[in-house]
Amino acid sequence: MNGKIYISGNDDLTNLSFPDLEKVPGEIDIEGNSKLRDIVFPDLKNVDGALILEGSFNEWVSQFLSFVGRIFI
């Protein structure tokens, strides 16, 4: 995978899962999803760019995450 993950403005999205994703060379930007409560990246280890999370989440799962370039919550 090259680039970034940008998920925004999905008003009916309630959960998000990327079960096989291990590395993002860009950024992860998740914002403006009013019903999103659960985010699961079980195998994610590295985010080279920024990790941007905006919302009221019940669960964030990323048990192997060991490197993030920048974090904005």
Protein backbone atom coordinates (compact mmCIF):
# COMPACT_ATOMS: atom_id res chain seq x y z
CA MET A 1 0.00 0.00 0.00
CA ASN A 2 1.23 3.48 -0.84
CA GLY A 3 -0.12 6.77 0.41
CA LYS A 4 -2.63 7.42 3.12
CA ILE A 5 -5.97 6.34 4.51
CA TYR A 6 -8.54 9.14 4.65
CA ILE A 7 -12.04 8.38 5.90
CA SER A 8 -14.36 11.34 6.44
CA GLY A 9 -18.01 12.35 6.18
CA ASN A 10 -19.51 8.85 6.36
CA ASP A 11 -22.47 9.50 8.66
CA ASP A 12 -23.69 5.88 8.68
CA LEU A 13 -20.30 4.26 9.37
CA THR A 14 -20.34 2.65 12.84
CA ASN A 15 -17.23 0.45 12.80
CA LEU A 16 -14.05 0.21 10.80
CA SER A 17 -11.69 -2.75 10.49
CA PHE A 18 -8.50 -3.37 8.51
CA PRO A 19 -7.58 -6.88 9.73
CA ASP A 20 -4.48 -7.45 7.55
CA LEU A 21 -2.96 -3.97 7.39
CA GLU A 22 0.54 -3.80 8.93
CA LYS A 23 2.07 -0.55 7.65
CA VAL A 24 0.90 2.81 6.30
CA PRO A 25 3.71 4.81 4.63
CA GLY A 26 1.62 7.97 4.74
CA GLU A 27 -1.00 8.99 7.28
CA ILE A 28 -4.24 7.69 8.72
CA ASP A 29 -6.87 10.45 8.95
CA ILE A 30 -10.27 9.46 10.37
CA GLU A 31 -12.63 12.35 11.08
CA GLY A 32 -16.17 13.60 10.53
CA ASN A 33 -17.82 10.19 10.88
CA SER A 34 -20.46 11.00 13.49
CA LYS A 35 -21.56 7.41 14.30
CA LEU A 36 -18.14 5.73 14.13
CA ARG A 37 -17.41 4.10 17.50
CA ASP A 38 -15.06 1.16 16.90
CA ILE A 39 -11.77 1.22 14.99
CA VAL A 40 -9.83 -2.03 14.66
CA PHE A 41 -6.34 -2.35 13.12
CA PRO A 42 -5.26 -5.60 14.83
CA ASP A 43 -1.97 -6.09 12.94
CA LEU A 44 -0.94 -2.45 12.39
CA LYS A 45 2.68 -1.84 13.41
CA ASN A 46 3.82 1.38 11.70
CA VAL A 47 2.28 4.65 10.56
CA ASP A 48 5.10 6.66 8.99
CA GLY A 49 3.06 9.86 8.77
CA ALA A 50 0.43 11.29 11.09
CA LEU A 51 -2.30 9.42 12.94
CA ILE A 52 -5.30 11.77 13.08
CA LEU A 53 -8.40 10.64 14.98
CA GLU A 54 -11.44 12.82 15.59
CA GLY A 55 -14.60 11.48 17.20
CA SER A 56 -16.10 9.74 20.21
CA PHE A 57 -14.76 6.22 20.00
CA ASN A 58 -15.62 3.28 22.24
CA GLU A 59 -12.77 1.12 21.02
CA TRP A 60 -9.44 1.56 19.27
CA VAL A 61 -7.60 -1.72 18.72
CA SER A 62 -4.04 -1.81 17.46
CA GLN A 63 -2.14 -4.07 19.80
CA PHE A 64 1.14 -4.15 17.82
CA LEU A 65 1.48 -0.44 16.97
CA SER A 66 5.08 0.52 17.69
CA PHE A 67 5.76 3.61 15.54
CA VAL A 68 3.75 6.70 14.58
CA GLY A 69 5.32 9.78 12.97
CA ARG A 70 2.87 12.23 14.65
CA ILE A 71 -0.35 11.80 16.60
CA PHE A 72 -3.35 14.16 16.64
CA ILE A 73 -6.35 13.12 18.75
